[in-house]
Amino acid sequence: MVRFEYAITKHPAEHFQHLVYFCADDGSCSLEQVPGEQTKILEEILNRRGSEGWDLVQVAFGRNGLLAFWKRAAG
């Protein structure tokens, strides 16, 4: 049976000064009007973690940044 390990990484809003995401009063957030070149920040995170064998499971955006949930085969 394949076993997995998981990681949760925090990425403060300061790292994403050029990304525009909107958070409503109820806490729900979404990306709005993101220019193509601005997604490079997320792309770099994905490629760096991917090269270490991690698969992105989920991203949760919040007022102060985002949480990324990762998994990879343990061992």
N, C-alpha and C. Protein backbone atom coordinates (compact mmCIF):
# COMPACT_ATOMS: atom_id res chain seq x y z
N MET A 1 0.84 -1.17 0.00
CA MET A 1 0.00 0.00 0.00
C MET A 1 0.90 1.25 0.00
N VAL A 2 0.55 2.23 -0.81
CA VAL A 2 1.29 3.48 -0.87
C VAL A 2 0.93 4.34 0.33
N ARG A 3 1.94 4.84 0.99
CA ARG A 3 1.73 5.75 2.12
C ARG A 3 2.14 7.15 1.70
N PHE A 4 1.48 8.13 2.28
CA PHE A 4 1.75 9.52 1.92
C PHE A 4 2.18 10.31 3.14
N GLU A 5 2.94 11.35 2.88
CA GLU A 5 3.21 12.36 3.89
C GLU A 5 2.64 13.67 3.37
N TYR A 6 2.32 14.56 4.29
CA TYR A 6 1.66 15.81 3.94
C TYR A 6 2.43 16.99 4.52
N ALA A 7 2.28 18.12 3.87
CA ALA A 7 2.89 19.36 4.36
C ALA A 7 1.91 20.50 4.09
N ILE A 8 1.93 21.46 4.97
CA ILE A 8 1.15 22.68 4.79
C ILE A 8 2.14 23.84 4.86
N THR A 9 2.15 24.67 3.83
CA THR A 9 3.06 25.81 3.81
C THR A 9 2.27 27.10 3.82
N LYS A 10 2.81 28.09 4.52
CA LYS A 10 2.21 29.43 4.60
C LYS A 10 2.96 30.35 3.66
N HIS A 11 2.24 31.19 2.95
CA HIS A 11 2.83 32.15 2.04
C HIS A 11 2.16 33.50 2.30
N PRO A 12 2.87 34.40 3.03
CA PRO A 12 2.28 35.69 3.41
C PRO A 12 1.91 36.55 2.21
N ALA A 13 0.94 37.41 2.42
CA ALA A 13 0.46 38.30 1.36
C ALA A 13 1.58 39.17 0.80
N GLU A 14 2.60 39.48 1.62
CA GLU A 14 3.71 40.31 1.15
C GLU A 14 4.43 39.68 -0.04
N HIS A 15 4.41 38.35 -0.12
CA HIS A 15 5.05 37.66 -1.25
C HIS A 15 4.25 37.81 -2.53
N PHE A 16 3.03 38.25 -2.41
CA PHE A 16 2.12 38.33 -3.56
C PHE A 16 1.62 39.75 -3.77
N GLN A 17 2.50 40.72 -3.65
CA GLN A 17 2.08 42.11 -3.78
C GLN A 17 1.47 42.42 -5.14
N HIS A 18 1.85 41.66 -6.14
CA HIS A 18 1.35 41.94 -7.49
C HIS A 18 0.14 41.09 -7.86
N LEU A 19 -0.16 40.08 -7.06
CA LEU A 19 -1.37 39.29 -7.29
C LEU A 19 -2.55 40.03 -6.69
N VAL A 20 -3.64 40.01 -7.38
CA VAL A 20 -4.84 40.67 -6.88
C VAL A 20 -5.85 39.60 -6.52
N TYR A 21 -6.13 39.46 -5.25
CA TYR A 21 -7.22 38.58 -4.87
C TYR A 21 -8.11 39.31 -3.89
N PHE A 22 -9.37 39.06 -4.00
CA PHE A 22 -10.40 39.79 -3.28
C PHE A 22 -10.95 38.92 -2.17
N CYS A 23 -11.02 39.47 -0.97
CA CYS A 23 -11.64 38.77 0.15
C CYS A 23 -12.88 39.54 0.60
N ALA A 24 -14.00 38.88 0.59
CA ALA A 24 -15.26 39.49 1.02
C ALA A 24 -15.32 39.54 2.55
N ASP A 25 -16.28 40.26 3.07
CA ASP A 25 -16.44 40.39 4.52
C ASP A 25 -16.65 39.05 5.20
N ASP A 26 -17.26 38.09 4.50
CA ASP A 26 -17.50 36.78 5.10
C ASP A 26 -16.26 35.89 5.08
N GLY A 27 -15.13 36.40 4.54
CA GLY A 27 -13.89 35.64 4.52
C GLY A 27 -13.65 34.87 3.25
N SER A 28 -14.64 34.79 2.36
CA SER A 28 -14.43 34.08 1.10
C SER A 28 -13.54 34.93 0.19
N CYS A 29 -12.61 34.27 -0.50
CA CYS A 29 -11.65 34.99 -1.32
C CYS A 29 -11.58 34.38 -2.71
N SER A 30 -11.22 35.20 -3.68
CA SER A 30 -11.05 34.72 -5.05
C SER A 30 -10.03 35.58 -5.76
N LEU A 31 -9.42 35.00 -6.79
CA LEU A 31 -8.48 35.76 -7.61
C LEU A 31 -9.25 36.63 -8.57
N GLU A 32 -8.82 37.84 -8.73
CA GLU A 32 -9.49 38.78 -9.63
C GLU A 32 -8.46 39.47 -10.51
N GLN A 33 -8.69 39.52 -11.79
CA GLN A 33 -7.88 40.28 -12.74
C GLN A 33 -6.39 40.03 -12.56
N VAL A 34 -5.96 38.80 -12.58
CA VAL A 34 -4.55 38.47 -12.39
C VAL A 34 -3.85 38.47 -13.74
N PRO A 35 -2.93 39.42 -13.98
CA PRO A 35 -2.18 39.42 -15.23
C PRO A 35 -1.31 38.17 -15.32
N GLY A 36 -1.08 37.69 -16.53
CA GLY A 36 -0.31 36.47 -16.74
C GLY A 36 1.05 36.46 -16.08
N GLU A 37 1.78 37.57 -16.18
CA GLU A 37 3.13 37.60 -15.61
C GLU A 37 3.12 37.55 -14.08
N GLN A 38 2.02 37.93 -13.47
CA GLN A 38 1.94 37.93 -12.02
C GLN A 38 1.75 36.52 -11.45
N THR A 39 1.32 35.60 -12.26
CA THR A 39 1.17 34.22 -11.78
C THR A 39 2.51 33.52 -11.64
N LYS A 40 3.59 34.15 -12.06
CA LYS A 40 4.93 33.56 -11.95
C LYS A 40 5.29 33.24 -10.51
N ILE A 41 4.83 34.04 -9.56
CA ILE A 41 5.13 33.78 -8.15
C ILE A 41 4.57 32.41 -7.75
N LEU A 42 3.31 32.16 -8.09
CA LEU A 42 2.71 30.86 -7.78
C LEU A 42 3.39 29.75 -8.57
N GLU A 43 3.72 30.01 -9.81
CA GLU A 43 4.38 29.01 -10.65
C GLU A 43 5.72 28.60 -10.05
N GLU A 44 6.48 29.56 -9.52
CA GLU A 44 7.77 29.25 -8.91
C GLU A 44 7.60 28.36 -7.68
N ILE A 45 6.60 28.65 -6.86
CA ILE A 45 6.33 27.81 -5.69
C ILE A 45 5.97 26.40 -6.13
N LEU A 46 5.07 26.28 -7.11
CA LEU A 46 4.65 24.96 -7.60
C LEU A 46 5.82 24.18 -8.16
N ASN A 47 6.65 24.81 -8.97
CA ASN A 47 7.79 24.11 -9.57
C ASN A 47 8.84 23.71 -8.54
N ARG A 48 9.09 24.58 -7.56
CA ARG A 48 10.07 24.26 -6.53
C ARG A 48 9.62 23.05 -5.71
N ARG A 49 8.37 23.08 -5.24
CA ARG A 49 7.87 21.96 -4.45
C ARG A 49 7.71 20.70 -5.30
N GLY A 50 7.27 20.88 -6.54
CA GLY A 50 7.13 19.73 -7.45
C GLY A 50 8.44 19.03 -7.70
N SER A 51 9.53 19.79 -7.80
CA SER A 51 10.85 19.18 -8.02
C SER A 51 11.31 18.37 -6.81
N GLU A 52 10.68 18.62 -5.65
CA GLU A 52 10.96 17.85 -4.44
C GLU A 52 10.01 16.67 -4.28
N GLY A 53 9.15 16.46 -5.28
CA GLY A 53 8.23 15.33 -5.25
C GLY A 53 6.86 15.62 -4.67
N TRP A 54 6.58 16.86 -4.31
CA TRP A 54 5.29 17.22 -3.71
C TRP A 54 4.25 17.48 -4.77
N ASP A 55 3.03 17.03 -4.52
CA ASP A 55 1.85 17.33 -5.35
C ASP A 55 0.98 18.32 -4.59
N LEU A 56 0.51 19.35 -5.27
CA LEU A 56 -0.39 20.31 -4.65
C LEU A 56 -1.77 19.68 -4.52
N VAL A 57 -2.32 19.73 -3.31
CA VAL A 57 -3.64 19.18 -3.06
C VAL A 57 -4.69 20.29 -3.06
N GLN A 58 -4.38 21.41 -2.42
CA GLN A 58 -5.35 22.50 -2.26
C GLN A 58 -4.61 23.79 -1.96
N VAL A 59 -5.21 24.91 -2.32
CA VAL A 59 -4.73 26.24 -1.94
C VAL A 59 -5.90 26.96 -1.30
N ALA A 60 -5.65 27.56 -0.15
CA ALA A 60 -6.67 28.34 0.55
C ALA A 60 -6.18 29.78 0.65
N PHE A 61 -6.91 30.70 0.01
CA PHE A 61 -6.57 32.12 0.05
C PHE A 61 -7.26 32.78 1.23
N GLY A 62 -6.55 33.67 1.89
CA GLY A 62 -7.11 34.44 2.99
C GLY A 62 -6.64 35.88 2.93
N ARG A 63 -7.08 36.65 3.86
CA ARG A 63 -6.74 38.08 3.87
C ARG A 63 -5.23 38.32 4.01
N ASN A 64 -4.54 37.45 4.71
CA ASN A 64 -3.13 37.66 5.00
C ASN A 64 -2.19 36.82 4.15
N GLY A 65 -2.71 36.13 3.15
CA GLY A 65 -1.87 35.29 2.30
C GLY A 65 -2.58 34.02 1.94
N LEU A 66 -1.80 32.96 1.76
CA LEU A 66 -2.41 31.69 1.39
C LEU A 66 -1.74 30.53 2.10
N LEU A 67 -2.48 29.45 2.22
CA LEU A 67 -1.97 28.17 2.69
C LEU A 67 -1.98 27.21 1.52
N ALA A 68 -0.91 26.45 1.37
CA ALA A 68 -0.85 25.43 0.33
C ALA A 68 -0.73 24.07 1.01
N PHE A 69 -1.53 23.12 0.55
CA PHE A 69 -1.56 21.77 1.11
C PHE A 69 -0.92 20.83 0.09
N TRP A 70 0.08 20.08 0.52
CA TRP A 70 0.88 19.23 -0.37
C TRP A 70 0.87 17.79 0.12
N LYS A 71 1.10 16.85 -0.81
CA LYS A 71 1.31 15.46 -0.41
C LYS A 71 2.32 14.83 -1.36
N ARG A 72 3.00 13.79 -0.85
CA ARG A 72 3.91 13.00 -1.67
C ARG A 72 4.03 11.62 -1.06
N ALA A 73 4.46 10.69 -1.87
CA ALA A 73 4.64 9.33 -1.39
C ALA A 73 5.71 9.33 -0.31
N ALA A 74 5.44 8.65 0.80
CA ALA A 74 6.40 8.57 1.90
C ALA A 74 7.44 7.50 1.60
N GLY A 75 8.61 7.72 2.12
CA GLY A 75 9.61 6.67 1.98
C GLY A 75 10.80 7.17 1.37
